[in-house]
Amino acid sequence: MKERSNLWRIIAKALGEKSGKNNEEADKVAVLRLIMFLSIFITNAFIVYNALRTHHFPNYEIQRCVSETQEERALWKTEGSISKN
């Protein structure tokens, strides 16, 4: 329990200065700051992931979609010509 308390104290100090009238209120403020930080961090991680996915490897998905579409068209053409005969 001592290690957890020490870890929480370090996290709370890293989030900013202690604010609140007492320790309980300061802990609530630190939890709120932690939630805000994590939501911003996760959002930024998704933004970076999307940027890398679309700009660094842009042709992979396009080629895959084009080849699938061409295969479907070829399949429809062959099925259509078979049913007409």
Protein backbone atom coordinates (compact mmCIF):
# COMPACT_ATOMS: atom_id res chain seq x y z
CA MET A 1 0.00 0.00 0.00
CA LYS A 2 2.93 2.31 0.72
CA GLU A 3 4.24 1.89 -2.85
CA ARG A 4 0.81 2.69 -4.33
CA SER A 5 0.56 5.81 -2.19
CA ASN A 6 4.03 6.88 -3.24
CA LEU A 7 3.22 6.25 -6.93
CA TRP A 8 -0.01 8.26 -6.66
CA ARG A 9 1.90 11.12 -5.01
CA ILE A 10 4.40 11.20 -7.88
CA ILE A 11 1.64 11.10 -10.52
CA ALA A 12 -0.27 13.87 -8.77
CA LYS A 13 2.86 16.05 -8.58
CA ALA A 14 3.58 15.43 -12.26
CA LEU A 15 0.09 16.66 -13.18
CA GLY A 16 0.66 20.07 -11.63
CA GLU A 17 0.60 21.93 -8.41
CA LYS A 18 -1.59 20.71 -5.57
CA SER A 19 -4.89 22.50 -5.58
CA GLY A 20 -7.66 22.10 -3.09
CA LYS A 21 -8.52 22.98 0.47
CA ASN A 22 -7.49 19.59 1.83
CA ASN A 23 -5.89 16.34 0.68
CA GLU A 24 -9.20 14.75 -0.34
CA GLU A 25 -10.10 17.64 -2.61
CA ALA A 26 -6.57 17.74 -4.02
CA ASP A 27 -6.86 14.02 -4.84
CA LYS A 28 -10.13 14.62 -6.70
CA VAL A 29 -8.50 17.40 -8.72
CA ALA A 30 -5.55 15.13 -9.51
CA VAL A 31 -7.88 12.33 -10.67
CA LEU A 32 -9.72 14.75 -12.94
CA ARG A 33 -6.43 16.01 -14.37
CA LEU A 34 -5.31 12.42 -14.93
CA ILE A 35 -8.52 11.56 -16.79
CA MET A 36 -8.15 14.65 -18.96
CA PHE A 37 -4.51 13.84 -19.72
CA LEU A 38 -5.31 10.23 -20.64
CA SER A 39 -8.17 11.24 -22.94
CA ILE A 40 -5.94 13.76 -24.74
CA PHE A 41 -3.12 11.21 -24.98
CA ILE A 42 -5.37 8.49 -26.40
CA THR A 43 -6.94 10.92 -28.89
CA ASN A 44 -3.52 12.01 -30.09
CA ALA A 45 -2.41 8.39 -30.42
CA PHE A 46 -5.37 7.69 -32.73
CA ILE A 47 -4.61 10.84 -34.77
CA VAL A 48 -0.98 9.79 -35.25
CA TYR A 49 -2.03 6.23 -36.12
CA ASN A 50 -4.44 7.52 -38.77
CA ALA A 51 -1.87 9.91 -40.21
CA LEU A 52 0.71 7.14 -40.50
CA ARG A 53 -1.83 4.70 -41.92
CA THR A 54 -3.15 7.05 -44.60
CA HIS A 55 -0.06 9.05 -45.51
CA HIS A 56 2.79 6.63 -44.99
CA PHE A 57 1.12 3.57 -46.54
CA PRO A 58 -1.53 5.17 -48.79
CA ASN A 59 -1.45 2.69 -51.67
CA TYR A 60 -2.02 -0.53 -49.75
CA GLU A 61 -5.73 -0.04 -49.07
CA ILE A 62 -6.41 1.59 -52.43
CA GLN A 63 -4.79 -1.28 -54.32
CA ARG A 64 -6.63 -3.83 -52.23
CA CYS A 65 -10.00 -2.14 -52.84
CA VAL A 66 -9.34 -1.72 -56.58
CA SER A 67 -8.31 -5.34 -57.03
CA GLU A 68 -11.37 -6.55 -55.12
CA THR A 69 -13.63 -4.35 -57.24
CA GLN A 70 -12.05 -5.58 -60.48
CA GLU A 71 -12.43 -9.19 -59.37
CA GLU A 72 -16.11 -8.59 -58.56
CA ARG A 73 -16.71 -6.98 -61.96
CA ALA A 74 -15.01 -9.86 -63.73
CA LEU A 75 -17.12 -12.32 -61.75
CA TRP A 76 -20.34 -10.47 -62.61
CA LYS A 77 -19.40 -10.36 -66.30
CA THR A 78 -18.71 -14.09 -66.44
CA GLU A 79 -21.92 -14.91 -64.55
CA GLY A 80 -23.91 -12.62 -66.84
CA SER A 81 -22.53 -14.17 -70.01
CA ILE A 82 -23.19 -17.68 -68.69
CA SER A 83 -26.82 -16.91 -67.87
CA LYS A 84 -27.46 -15.34 -71.31
CA ASN A 85 -26.27 -18.49 -73.12
